[in-house]
Amino acid sequence: MCEVELSTRVYVKMILHAARYPHSTVSGALVGRRTPGCLTLCDCVPIGHQLPLALSLEVALTQIDSWSALQGLVIAGFYQANAILRDTSINSATLRSASLIAEYQEDAVLILMDNERLSPCPGVPPLTVLHQNGYKQWIPKDKTL
């Protein structure tokens, strides 16, 4: 299990994507670099503001993979923010997408945004970072700020 670092760019783009579509579930791909013991998330690519269809998601991930390879990056994870304020569940499309990414990228992450904690000045980032354990279940990583 490696450490995960988020750049400011990733954090801001995820939050702005969720803020732009507060009435919808938003999701996107996380792009980054993998070094020994660390996964650095450099950018994210918003994919949609509704539950993605399998074909459109596959096309989007293929294009993101091509673009990221040119930049020397890899698709390192997936993010989601739910439409309902107190909803912290992960939908099946997001689980499938994150699991697919994890098949190709060791130490892939899934980030779930906590809508209830989204505020202009959060004390703790409103994010839950999950990783796959040995049983292919997504579980929260330990947080260190």
Protein backbone atom coordinates (compact mmCIF):
# COMPACT_ATOMS: atom_id res chain seq x y z
CA MET A 1 0.00 0.00 0.00
CA CYS A 2 1.46 3.34 -1.00
CA GLU A 3 0.89 6.91 0.09
CA VAL A 4 -1.37 9.11 -2.03
CA GLU A 5 -0.61 12.77 -2.70
CA LEU A 6 -3.17 15.10 -4.27
CA SER A 7 -2.08 18.23 -6.08
CA THR A 8 -4.02 21.43 -5.58
CA ARG A 9 -5.14 21.19 -9.21
CA VAL A 10 -6.82 17.82 -8.61
CA TYR A 11 -8.53 18.99 -5.43
CA VAL A 12 -9.83 22.22 -6.96
CA LYS A 13 -11.07 20.58 -10.18
CA MET A 14 -12.98 17.90 -8.26
CA ILE A 15 -14.58 20.45 -5.93
CA LEU A 16 -15.49 22.80 -8.80
CA HIS A 17 -16.99 19.92 -10.77
CA ALA A 18 -19.19 18.99 -7.79
CA ALA A 19 -20.10 22.65 -7.16
CA ARG A 20 -21.05 23.24 -10.80
CA TYR A 21 -23.52 20.32 -10.78
CA PRO A 22 -24.84 20.09 -7.19
CA HIS A 23 -28.02 18.39 -8.40
CA SER A 24 -26.18 15.51 -10.11
CA THR A 25 -23.76 12.74 -9.32
CA VAL A 26 -20.41 13.78 -10.80
CA SER A 27 -17.47 11.55 -11.61
CA GLY A 28 -14.11 11.64 -13.30
CA ALA A 29 -10.74 10.01 -13.79
CA LEU A 30 -7.66 10.74 -11.70
CA VAL A 31 -4.36 11.00 -13.53
CA GLY A 32 -0.95 10.82 -11.91
CA ARG A 33 2.54 9.42 -11.51
CA ARG A 34 3.58 6.36 -9.62
CA THR A 35 6.92 6.35 -7.83
CA PRO A 36 8.18 3.79 -5.31
CA GLY A 37 5.99 4.12 -2.22
CA CYS A 38 3.92 7.02 -3.54
CA LEU A 39 1.10 7.78 -5.96
CA THR A 40 1.02 11.46 -6.93
CA LEU A 41 -2.26 12.60 -8.46
CA CYS A 42 -1.40 15.47 -10.82
CA ASP A 43 -4.67 16.10 -12.64
CA CYS A 44 -8.23 14.91 -12.97
CA VAL A 45 -10.52 14.75 -15.94
CA PRO A 46 -14.25 15.27 -15.28
CA ILE A 47 -16.18 12.60 -17.17
CA GLY A 48 -19.80 13.34 -16.44
CA HIS A 49 -22.48 14.78 -14.26
CA GLN A 50 -24.84 11.86 -14.39
CA LEU A 51 -24.46 8.11 -14.13
CA PRO A 52 -22.15 7.28 -17.05
CA LEU A 53 -23.19 4.78 -19.68
CA ALA A 54 -20.75 1.94 -20.28
CA LEU A 55 -19.90 2.92 -23.85
CA SER A 56 -19.38 6.62 -23.18
CA LEU A 57 -17.28 5.78 -20.12
CA GLU A 58 -15.13 3.36 -22.12
CA VAL A 59 -14.55 5.95 -24.84
CA ALA A 60 -13.71 8.63 -22.27
CA LEU A 61 -11.23 6.39 -20.42
CA THR A 62 -9.58 5.38 -23.72
CA GLN A 63 -9.11 9.02 -24.71
CA ILE A 64 -7.84 9.94 -21.23
CA ASP A 65 -5.40 7.03 -21.34
CA SER A 66 -4.03 8.16 -24.72
CA TRP A 67 -3.66 11.76 -23.55
CA SER A 68 -2.08 10.82 -20.23
CA ALA A 69 0.45 8.50 -21.90
CA LEU A 70 1.65 11.45 -24.00
CA GLN A 71 2.17 13.40 -20.77
CA GLY A 72 4.02 10.52 -19.09
CA LEU A 73 1.10 9.92 -16.71
CA VAL A 74 -1.27 7.04 -16.00
CA ILE A 75 -4.92 6.78 -15.04
CA ALA A 76 -4.51 6.24 -11.32
CA GLY A 77 -8.07 6.30 -10.03
CA PHE A 78 -11.62 7.56 -10.17
CA TYR A 79 -13.66 10.09 -8.17
CA GLN A 80 -17.33 10.57 -7.39
CA ALA A 81 -19.54 13.12 -5.63
CA ASN A 82 -23.18 12.18 -5.05
CA ALA A 83 -26.18 14.35 -5.80
CA ILE A 84 -27.80 13.90 -2.39
CA LEU A 85 -26.27 15.80 0.52
CA ARG A 86 -25.98 12.94 3.04
CA ASP A 87 -25.39 10.16 0.52
CA THR A 88 -21.97 8.56 0.99
CA SER A 89 -22.63 5.42 -1.04
CA ILE A 90 -20.67 4.49 -4.13
CA ASN A 91 -22.75 3.65 -7.19
CA SER A 92 -22.15 0.47 -9.17
CA ALA A 93 -20.86 2.27 -12.28
CA THR A 94 -18.17 3.99 -10.21
CA LEU A 95 -17.21 0.71 -8.53
CA ARG A 96 -16.89 -1.00 -11.91
CA SER A 97 -14.84 1.89 -13.32
CA ALA A 98 -12.50 2.00 -10.34
CA SER A 99 -12.10 -1.79 -10.36
CA LEU A 100 -11.28 -1.73 -14.07
CA ILE A 101 -8.62 0.92 -13.47
CA ALA A 102 -7.25 -1.14 -10.55
CA GLU A 103 -6.81 -4.15 -12.85
CA TYR A 104 -4.32 -2.16 -14.92
CA GLN A 105 -2.85 0.14 -12.30
CA GLU A 106 -1.54 -1.18 -9.02
CA ASP A 107 -2.45 1.06 -6.05
CA ALA A 108 -5.33 2.73 -7.91
CA VAL A 109 -7.58 4.84 -5.70
CA LEU A 110 -11.23 5.77 -5.53
CA ILE A 111 -12.05 9.17 -4.04
CA LEU A 112 -15.51 9.85 -2.67
CA MET A 113 -16.40 13.47 -1.92
CA ASP A 114 -18.45 14.08 1.23
CA ASN A 115 -21.05 16.67 0.19
CA GLU A 116 -22.02 17.42 3.75
CA ARG A 117 -18.47 18.58 4.58
CA LEU A 118 -18.02 20.69 1.43
CA SER A 119 -17.53 24.26 2.62
CA PRO A 120 -15.43 27.31 1.71
CA CYS A 121 -13.01 26.63 4.59
CA PRO A 122 -13.02 22.94 5.48
CA GLY A 123 -10.84 21.96 8.43
CA VAL A 124 -10.35 18.49 7.00
CA PRO A 125 -10.63 17.91 3.25
CA PRO A 126 -14.09 16.50 2.47
CA LEU A 127 -12.63 13.45 0.75
CA THR A 128 -12.53 9.75 1.51
CA VAL A 129 -9.70 7.98 -0.29
CA LEU A 130 -10.31 4.28 -0.82
CA HIS A 131 -8.07 1.50 -2.11
CA GLN A 132 -8.64 -2.15 -2.94
CA ASN A 133 -7.65 -4.73 -0.37
CA GLY A 134 -6.60 -8.30 -1.15
CA TYR A 135 -10.24 -9.35 -1.48
CA LYS A 136 -10.94 -6.71 -4.16
CA GLN A 137 -13.07 -4.65 -1.76
CA TRP A 138 -12.75 -0.86 -1.66
CA ILE A 139 -11.80 0.25 1.86
CA PRO A 140 -10.75 3.67 3.23
CA LYS A 141 -7.06 4.46 3.46
CA ASP A 142 -5.62 5.97 6.63
CA LYS A 143 -5.53 9.77 6.47
CA THR A 144 -2.50 11.87 7.23
CA LEU A 145 -2.69 15.57 6.52
